[in-house]
N, C-alpha and C. Protein backbone atom coordinates (compact mmCIF):
# COMPACT_ATOMS: atom_id res chain seq x y z
N MET A 1 -9.54 -25.60 -2.52
CA MET A 1 -9.72 -24.82 -1.20
C MET A 1 -9.88 -23.02 -2.00
N ASN A 2 -10.79 -22.54 -0.90
CA ASN A 2 -11.05 -20.86 -1.47
C ASN A 2 -10.00 -19.87 -0.77
N LYS A 3 -10.01 -18.77 -1.43
CA LYS A 3 -8.85 -17.78 -0.79
C LYS A 3 -9.47 -17.56 0.71
N LEU A 4 -10.30 -17.86 1.29
CA LEU A 4 -10.24 -17.51 2.68
C LEU A 4 -10.08 -18.46 3.68
N GLU A 5 -10.10 -20.10 3.22
CA GLU A 5 -9.42 -20.77 4.00
C GLU A 5 -7.92 -21.19 3.90
N PHE A 6 -7.53 -20.65 2.71
CA PHE A 6 -6.08 -21.11 2.08
C PHE A 6 -5.42 -19.92 2.82
N LEU A 7 -6.12 -18.36 2.86
CA LEU A 7 -5.06 -17.47 3.45
C LEU A 7 -4.83 -18.03 5.33
N ARG A 8 -6.68 -18.54 5.51
CA ARG A 8 -6.27 -19.12 7.06
C ARG A 8 -5.20 -20.42 7.45
N SER A 9 -5.14 -21.03 6.27
CA SER A 9 -4.08 -22.00 6.38
C SER A 9 -2.57 -21.34 6.67
N GLU A 10 -1.89 -20.75 5.37
CA GLU A 10 -0.72 -19.51 5.69
C GLU A 10 -0.76 -19.40 6.76
N LEU A 11 -1.76 -18.51 7.28
CA LEU A 11 -1.00 -17.76 8.43
C LEU A 11 -1.71 -18.93 9.65
N THR A 12 -2.05 -19.96 9.63
CA THR A 12 -1.69 -20.89 10.64
C THR A 12 -0.15 -21.14 10.35
N GLN A 13 -0.15 -21.60 9.41
CA GLN A 13 1.44 -22.31 9.28
C GLN A 13 2.57 -21.25 9.43
N ALA A 14 2.32 -19.97 9.17
CA ALA A 14 3.28 -19.06 9.66
C ALA A 14 3.39 -18.63 11.68
N GLY A 15 2.75 -19.27 12.02
CA GLY A 15 2.52 -19.73 13.23
C GLY A 15 1.65 -18.36 13.83
N PHE A 16 0.85 -18.19 13.01
CA PHE A 16 0.04 -17.09 13.97
C PHE A 16 -1.91 -17.77 14.14
N ARG A 17 -2.74 -17.18 14.84
CA ARG A 17 -4.10 -17.84 15.23
C ARG A 17 -4.83 -17.33 14.11
N PRO A 18 -5.08 -17.19 13.19
CA PRO A 18 -5.99 -16.61 12.21
C PRO A 18 -7.87 -16.53 12.90
N GLN A 19 -8.11 -15.71 12.96
CA GLN A 19 -10.18 -15.80 12.66
C GLN A 19 -10.66 -15.57 11.71
N VAL A 20 -11.15 -16.47 11.19
CA VAL A 20 -11.93 -16.74 9.81
C VAL A 20 -13.24 -16.12 9.96
N HIS A 21 -13.57 -15.00 9.22
CA HIS A 21 -14.77 -14.26 9.31
C HIS A 21 -15.71 -14.84 7.84
N ASP A 22 -16.78 -14.10 7.84
CA ASP A 22 -17.56 -14.22 6.43
C ASP A 22 -16.29 -13.76 5.53
N ASP A 23 -15.70 -12.43 5.21
CA ASP A 23 -15.09 -12.13 4.18
C ASP A 23 -13.93 -11.62 4.14
N TYR A 24 -13.39 -11.68 5.88
CA TYR A 24 -12.01 -11.65 6.09
C TYR A 24 -11.38 -12.36 6.95
N VAL A 25 -9.93 -12.42 7.26
CA VAL A 25 -9.54 -12.77 8.44
C VAL A 25 -8.32 -11.82 8.85
N ALA A 26 -8.76 -12.38 10.44
CA ALA A 26 -8.22 -11.48 11.28
C ALA A 26 -6.88 -12.26 11.91
N PHE A 27 -5.80 -11.89 12.61
CA PHE A 27 -4.88 -12.03 13.29
C PHE A 27 -4.25 -11.28 14.12
N ARG A 28 -3.45 -11.57 15.30
CA ARG A 28 -2.94 -10.29 15.87
C ARG A 28 -1.15 -10.92 16.23
N HIS A 29 -0.32 -9.51 16.34
CA HIS A 29 0.98 -10.10 16.17
C HIS A 29 1.37 -8.88 16.95
N ALA A 30 2.35 -9.36 17.73
CA ALA A 30 2.77 -8.10 18.33
C ALA A 30 1.93 -7.08 18.81
N GLY A 31 0.80 -7.47 19.12
CA GLY A 31 0.21 -6.52 20.37
C GLY A 31 -1.06 -5.51 19.49
N GLY A 32 -0.61 -6.07 18.39
CA GLY A 32 -1.18 -5.34 17.11
C GLY A 32 -2.69 -6.39 16.11
N ASN A 33 -3.71 -5.44 15.86
CA ASN A 33 -4.74 -6.71 15.28
C ASN A 33 -4.94 -6.47 14.02
N TYR A 34 -4.60 -7.41 13.07
CA TYR A 34 -4.41 -7.73 11.44
C TYR A 34 -5.55 -8.26 11.00
N VAL A 35 -6.09 -7.43 10.21
CA VAL A 35 -6.81 -8.05 9.06
C VAL A 35 -6.63 -8.29 7.49
N ILE A 36 -7.08 -9.10 6.61
CA ILE A 36 -6.72 -9.45 5.98
C ILE A 36 -8.73 -9.39 4.62
N PRO A 37 -8.82 -8.38 4.20
CA PRO A 37 -10.17 -8.70 3.52
C PRO A 37 -9.75 -9.66 2.71
N VAL A 38 -11.05 -10.07 2.00
CA VAL A 38 -10.87 -11.31 0.87
C VAL A 38 -11.76 -10.96 0.20
N ASP A 39 -10.57 -10.98 -1.15
CA ASP A 39 -11.50 -10.54 -2.44
C ASP A 39 -11.65 -11.79 -3.39
N ASP A 40 -12.62 -12.45 -3.74
CA ASP A 40 -12.48 -13.79 -4.25
C ASP A 40 -12.41 -13.58 -5.79
N GLU A 41 -12.88 -12.51 -6.26
CA GLU A 41 -12.66 -11.93 -7.64
C GLU A 41 -11.40 -11.59 -8.53
N ASP A 42 -10.26 -11.23 -7.53
CA ASP A 42 -8.70 -10.92 -8.21
C ASP A 42 -8.12 -12.24 -7.02
N GLU A 43 -7.52 -12.96 -7.52
CA GLU A 43 -6.70 -13.97 -6.83
C GLU A 43 -5.35 -13.76 -6.58
N ILE A 44 -4.64 -13.18 -6.93
CA ILE A 44 -3.32 -12.52 -6.59
C ILE A 44 -3.08 -11.12 -5.94
N PHE A 45 -4.21 -10.11 -5.56
CA PHE A 45 -4.09 -9.20 -4.96
C PHE A 45 -4.63 -9.24 -3.15
N VAL A 46 -3.68 -9.54 -2.72
CA VAL A 46 -3.79 -9.46 -0.92
C VAL A 46 -3.95 -7.92 -0.41
N ARG A 47 -4.27 -7.53 0.24
CA ARG A 47 -4.40 -6.26 0.96
C ARG A 47 -4.52 -6.71 3.30
N VAL A 48 -3.65 -6.21 3.72
CA VAL A 48 -2.97 -6.41 4.75
C VAL A 48 -3.33 -5.13 5.66
N VAL A 49 -4.23 -4.92 6.49
CA VAL A 49 -4.44 -3.55 7.45
C VAL A 49 -4.15 -3.65 8.77
N PHE A 50 -3.66 -3.04 8.98
CA PHE A 50 -3.48 -3.13 10.41
C PHE A 50 -4.38 -1.68 11.02
N PRO A 51 -5.60 -1.77 11.36
CA PRO A 51 -6.87 -0.64 11.81
C PRO A 51 -6.70 -0.24 13.09
N ASN A 52 -7.50 1.08 13.14
CA ASN A 52 -7.49 1.39 14.72
C ASN A 52 -6.06 1.77 15.20
N PHE A 53 -4.97 2.26 15.18
CA PHE A 53 -3.96 1.98 15.70
C PHE A 53 -3.54 3.83 16.59
N TRP A 54 -4.14 4.08 16.04
CA TRP A 54 -4.50 5.87 16.62
C TRP A 54 -6.03 6.27 16.50
N LYS A 55 -6.34 6.70 17.53
CA LYS A 55 -7.75 7.48 18.11
C LYS A 55 -7.35 9.05 17.59
N ILE A 56 -8.50 9.41 16.40
CA ILE A 56 -8.17 10.88 16.38
C ILE A 56 -9.57 11.61 17.33
N GLY A 57 -8.61 12.67 18.48
CA GLY A 57 -9.87 12.94 18.96
C GLY A 57 -10.32 14.70 18.95
N SER A 58 -9.99 15.05 17.73
CA SER A 58 -10.44 16.60 17.42
C SER A 58 -10.12 17.03 15.93
N ALA A 59 -10.61 17.98 15.29
CA ALA A 59 -10.47 18.25 14.06
C ALA A 59 -9.01 18.95 14.09
N ALA A 60 -8.19 19.40 15.20
CA ALA A 60 -6.64 19.83 14.93
C ALA A 60 -5.84 18.92 14.92
N GLU A 61 -6.33 17.22 15.71
CA GLU A 61 -5.61 16.54 15.62
C GLU A 61 -5.68 15.71 13.96
N ARG A 62 -6.82 15.93 13.53
CA ARG A 62 -7.04 15.17 12.33
C ARG A 62 -6.22 15.99 11.25
N GLY A 63 -5.86 16.81 11.45
CA GLY A 63 -4.77 17.99 10.89
C GLY A 63 -3.50 17.18 10.51
N ARG A 64 -3.20 17.14 12.09
CA ARG A 64 -1.85 16.57 12.03
C ARG A 64 -1.66 14.71 11.34
N ALA A 65 -2.89 14.05 12.00
CA ALA A 65 -3.16 13.35 11.21
C ALA A 65 -2.67 13.21 9.78
N LEU A 66 -3.59 13.53 8.96
CA LEU A 66 -3.28 13.87 7.79
C LEU A 66 -1.77 14.06 7.17
N GLU A 67 -1.53 15.46 8.05
CA GLU A 67 -0.07 15.28 7.58
C GLU A 67 1.11 14.68 7.68
N THR A 68 0.99 13.75 8.75
CA THR A 68 1.92 13.00 9.12
C THR A 68 1.29 11.88 8.11
N ALA A 69 0.62 11.09 7.87
CA ALA A 69 0.13 10.05 7.36
C ALA A 69 0.68 10.44 5.86
N ALA A 70 0.85 11.31 5.38
CA ALA A 70 1.09 11.76 4.13
C ALA A 70 2.60 11.76 4.07
N LEU A 71 3.31 12.34 5.26
CA LEU A 71 4.53 11.93 5.04
C LEU A 71 5.18 10.67 5.46
N ILE A 72 4.54 9.83 5.93
CA ILE A 72 5.02 8.18 5.98
C ILE A 72 4.50 7.55 4.37
N CYS A 73 3.20 8.47 4.19
CA CYS A 73 3.27 7.17 2.60
C CYS A 73 4.08 7.46 1.39
N ALA A 74 4.46 9.14 1.74
CA ALA A 74 5.87 9.73 0.62
C ALA A 74 7.27 8.77 1.18
N ASN A 75 7.37 8.58 2.08
CA ASN A 75 8.88 8.17 2.78
C ASN A 75 9.03 6.30 3.00
N LEU A 76 8.00 5.90 3.04
CA LEU A 76 8.05 4.55 3.50
C LEU A 76 7.63 3.64 1.96
N LYS A 77 7.80 2.56 1.69
CA LYS A 77 7.67 1.64 0.69
C LYS A 77 6.48 0.83 0.75
N ASN A 78 5.55 1.09 -0.22
CA ASN A 78 4.08 0.37 -0.27
C ASN A 78 3.28 0.54 1.33
N VAL A 79 3.07 1.43 1.59
CA VAL A 79 2.25 1.44 2.98
C VAL A 79 1.26 2.31 2.65
N LYS A 80 0.12 2.79 2.95
CA LYS A 80 -0.72 3.69 2.82
C LYS A 80 -1.28 4.14 4.61
N VAL A 81 -1.11 4.84 4.69
CA VAL A 81 -1.94 5.49 6.28
C VAL A 81 -2.53 6.55 6.22
N PHE A 82 -3.68 6.23 6.88
CA PHE A 82 -4.63 7.46 6.53
C PHE A 82 -6.02 7.51 7.60
N PRO A 83 -6.38 8.46 7.54
CA PRO A 83 -7.53 8.45 9.14
C PRO A 83 -9.05 7.96 8.17
N GLN A 84 -9.52 7.19 8.86
CA GLN A 84 -10.78 6.56 8.65
C GLN A 84 -12.09 6.73 9.60
N GLY A 85 -12.92 7.32 9.68
CA GLY A 85 -13.47 7.80 10.56
C GLY A 85 -12.80 8.78 11.64
N ASP A 86 -12.99 7.98 13.10
CA ASP A 86 -11.99 8.60 14.21
C ASP A 86 -10.86 7.99 14.80
N ASN A 87 -10.60 7.08 13.51
CA ASN A 87 -9.20 6.16 14.11
C ASN A 87 -8.02 6.49 12.57
N THR A 88 -7.15 5.72 12.45
CA THR A 88 -6.13 5.71 11.57
C THR A 88 -5.80 4.53 11.16
N VAL A 89 -5.48 4.20 9.86
CA VAL A 89 -5.36 2.80 9.53
C VAL A 89 -4.32 3.03 8.71
N ALA A 90 -3.85 2.11 8.82
CA ALA A 90 -2.81 1.55 7.89
C ALA A 90 -2.43 0.14 6.97
N SER A 91 -2.20 0.35 5.78
CA SER A 91 -2.53 -0.90 4.88
C SER A 91 -1.32 -1.19 4.11
N VAL A 92 -0.95 -2.43 3.71
CA VAL A 92 -0.31 -2.67 2.15
C VAL A 92 -1.15 -3.87 1.37
N ASP A 93 -0.81 -3.09 0.25
CA ASP A 93 -1.12 -3.78 -0.88
C ASP A 93 -0.63 -4.84 -1.91
N LEU A 94 -0.50 -6.05 -1.73
CA LEU A 94 0.03 -7.05 -2.28
C LEU A 94 -0.23 -7.58 -3.70
N LEU A 95 0.36 -7.32 -4.80
CA LEU A 95 0.25 -7.92 -6.29
C LEU A 95 1.21 -8.94 -6.24
N LEU A 96 0.41 -10.51 -6.22
CA LEU A 96 1.17 -11.30 -6.26
C LEU A 96 1.98 -12.62 -7.16
N PRO A 97 2.69 -13.09 -7.58
CA PRO A 97 2.61 -13.70 -9.03
C PRO A 97 1.66 -15.19 -9.07
N GLY A 98 1.40 -15.42 -7.76
CA GLY A 98 0.42 -16.47 -7.49
C GLY A 98 0.50 -16.33 -5.53
N LEU A 99 -0.60 -16.83 -5.15
CA LEU A 99 -1.37 -16.60 -4.42
C LEU A 99 -0.25 -17.25 -3.03
N GLU A 100 0.41 -18.91 -3.89
CA GLU A 100 1.10 -19.34 -3.02
C GLU A 100 2.34 -18.50 -2.30
N ARG A 101 2.24 -17.52 -2.70
CA ARG A 101 3.87 -16.96 -2.42
C ARG A 101 3.14 -15.56 -1.37
N PHE A 102 2.39 -15.78 -0.65
CA PHE A 102 1.88 -15.23 0.41
C PHE A 102 2.42 -15.09 1.40
N ARG A 103 3.30 -16.31 1.72
CA ARG A 103 3.68 -16.27 3.26
C ARG A 103 5.09 -15.68 2.80
N GLU A 104 5.47 -15.77 1.94
CA GLU A 104 6.77 -15.53 1.67
C GLU A 104 7.08 -13.52 1.89
N VAL A 105 5.92 -13.01 1.92
CA VAL A 105 5.79 -11.65 1.48
C VAL A 105 5.08 -11.24 2.97
N LEU A 106 4.43 -12.11 3.81
CA LEU A 106 3.95 -11.45 4.71
C LEU A 106 4.66 -11.02 6.05
N PRO A 107 5.70 -11.81 6.58
CA PRO A 107 6.60 -10.60 7.47
C PRO A 107 6.96 -9.52 7.07
N ARG A 108 6.95 -9.35 5.82
CA ARG A 108 7.71 -7.76 5.18
C ARG A 108 6.54 -6.94 5.33
N ALA A 109 5.46 -7.32 4.97
CA ALA A 109 4.27 -6.39 5.08
C ALA A 109 3.97 -6.19 6.53
N VAL A 110 3.85 -6.77 7.29
CA VAL A 110 3.67 -6.69 8.57
C VAL A 110 4.75 -5.31 9.47
N GLN A 111 5.58 -6.00 9.37
CA GLN A 111 7.11 -4.89 9.60
C GLN A 111 7.02 -4.20 8.82
N VAL A 112 6.36 -3.48 7.61
CA VAL A 112 6.26 -2.44 7.20
C VAL A 112 4.60 -1.63 7.79
N LEU A 113 3.76 -2.25 7.80
CA LEU A 113 2.75 -1.76 9.10
C LEU A 113 3.13 -1.26 10.32
N GLN A 114 4.14 -2.20 10.88
CA GLN A 114 4.46 -1.97 12.47
C GLN A 114 5.25 -0.79 12.53
N ALA A 115 6.63 -0.39 11.33
CA ALA A 115 7.05 0.85 11.37
C ALA A 115 6.21 1.69 11.13
N ALA A 116 5.31 1.72 10.17
CA ALA A 116 4.59 3.06 9.84
C ALA A 116 3.27 3.43 10.52
N ALA A 117 3.30 2.74 11.45
CA ALA A 117 2.30 2.57 12.83
C ALA A 117 3.11 3.26 13.57
N GLN A 118 4.23 3.12 14.19
CA GLN A 118 5.41 3.28 15.11
C GLN A 118 5.57 4.60 14.62
N HIS A 119 5.98 5.12 13.55
CA HIS A 119 6.32 6.67 13.27
C HIS A 119 5.44 7.37 13.26
N PHE A 120 4.17 6.84 12.77
CA PHE A 120 2.60 7.91 13.07
C PHE A 120 2.61 8.14 14.53
N CYS A 121 2.50 7.18 15.38
CA CYS A 121 2.31 7.03 17.06
C CYS A 121 3.42 8.25 17.44
N LEU A 122 4.78 7.99 17.38
CA LEU A 122 6.05 8.99 17.71
C LEU A 122 5.41 10.82 17.52
N ALA A 123 5.55 10.24 16.27
CA ALA A 123 4.91 12.02 15.59
C ALA A 123 3.51 12.41 16.24
N MET A 124 2.77 11.67 16.43
CA MET A 124 1.49 12.82 16.82
C MET A 124 1.33 12.65 18.24
N ALA A 125 2.28 12.12 19.35
CA ALA A 125 2.73 11.95 20.50
C ALA A 125 3.61 13.25 20.58
N ALA A 126 4.21 13.89 19.92
CA ALA A 126 5.74 14.99 19.95
C ALA A 126 4.71 16.16 19.34
N SER A 127 3.62 16.29 19.56
CA SER A 127 2.57 17.01 18.52
C SER A 127 2.78 18.59 19.67
N GLY A 128 3.39 19.07 20.49
CA GLY A 128 2.82 19.45 21.12
C GLY A 128 4.15 20.78 21.30
N ALA A 129 4.51 22.23 21.42
CA ALA A 129 5.78 22.61 21.43
C ALA A 129 6.39 23.03 20.48
N GLY A 130 6.66 22.67 19.20
CA GLY A 130 7.20 22.52 18.33
C GLY A 130 8.25 21.25 18.08
N GLY A 131 7.52 20.42 19.23
CA GLY A 131 7.90 18.79 18.85
C GLY A 131 7.78 18.18 17.73
N PHE A 132 6.49 18.65 17.51
CA PHE A 132 5.86 17.68 15.52
C PHE A 132 6.84 18.09 14.69
N ALA A 133 6.90 19.47 14.53
CA ALA A 133 7.48 19.86 13.24
C ALA A 133 9.18 19.38 13.50
N ARG A 134 9.60 19.16 14.34
CA ARG A 134 10.88 18.52 14.74
C ARG A 134 10.81 17.19 14.56
N LEU A 135 9.44 16.73 14.98
CA LEU A 135 10.16 14.94 14.92
C LEU A 135 9.88 14.74 13.62
N LEU A 136 8.58 15.31 12.76
CA LEU A 136 8.58 15.41 11.09
C LEU A 136 9.65 15.17 10.75
N HIS A 137 10.59 16.19 10.39
CA HIS A 137 11.88 16.86 10.02
C HIS A 137 13.21 15.30 10.53
N GLU A 138 13.07 15.12 11.82
CA GLU A 138 13.62 13.76 11.87
C GLU A 138 13.16 12.62 11.34
N MET A 139 12.14 12.37 11.14
CA MET A 139 11.67 11.04 10.45
C MET A 139 11.99 11.04 9.36
N ILE A 140 11.70 12.31 8.55
CA ILE A 140 11.81 12.38 7.03
C ILE A 140 13.42 12.09 6.76
N GLU A 141 14.58 12.51 7.42
CA GLU A 141 15.58 11.99 7.62
C GLU A 141 16.13 10.70 7.77
N ARG A 142 15.72 10.07 8.77
CA ARG A 142 15.40 8.44 9.05
C ARG A 142 14.91 7.88 7.91
N LEU A 143 13.99 8.48 7.81
CA LEU A 143 13.14 7.29 6.59
C LEU A 143 14.23 7.17 5.19
N ARG A 144 15.03 8.83 4.78
CA ARG A 144 15.43 8.80 3.68
C ARG A 144 17.14 7.76 3.94
N ARG A 145 17.58 7.89 5.19
CA ARG A 145 18.45 7.08 5.48
C ARG A 145 18.31 5.28 5.56
N ALA A 146 17.00 5.35 5.74
CA ALA A 146 17.01 3.50 6.02
C ALA A 146 16.94 3.04 4.44
N GLN A 147 16.00 4.08 3.49
CA GLN A 147 16.01 3.81 2.20
C GLN A 147 17.11 3.60 1.47
N GLN A 148 17.95 4.45 1.56
CA GLN A 148 19.19 4.62 1.12
C GLN A 148 20.56 3.38 1.24
N GLY A 149 19.99 3.22 2.35
CA GLY A 149 20.60 1.66 2.82
C GLY A 149 19.75 0.55 2.53
N GLY A 150 19.16 0.85 2.19
CA GLY A 150 18.12 -0.53 1.58
C GLY A 150 16.84 -1.22 2.30
N GLY A 151 17.25 -0.81 3.77
CA GLY A 151 16.60 -1.33 4.73
C GLY A 151 15.20 -0.47 5.13
N SER A 152 14.58 -0.88 6.55
CA SER A 152 13.35 -0.09 6.66
C SER A 152 13.65 0.35 7.84
N CYS A 153 12.34 0.88 8.54
CA CYS A 153 12.81 1.90 9.89
C CYS A 153 12.95 0.52 10.94
């Protein structure tokens, strides 16, 4: 079984309804669309992507998006958030001791992606009348408390 089919099988067994494409597997969860690009050259590497969860409408909004993304990347474990074109993307990179361990870490990967997107969207939505700076400060404090307690957002 190749990596694409393996991931499809694992996602199905985990309760998802994956769609297999030429070089990626896609699935939906909690209203979000997720993508796992497949790199057959690196058997233990898996990237789970939550694409296009925030549309960037202007140059000023892009600046706020970059600032917010940097804050989230610095304060949440193992997640990257970044603008891509006029959208925002989050991803989690997994280096597994063996591909068979994928299903064990998938729920946590999706949880981290959802938390990153949620915090990003809250900060971006509060971006008027000083709300942005205040919310960023509150986010930093919540993220620090969550990490000190060993939990996530």
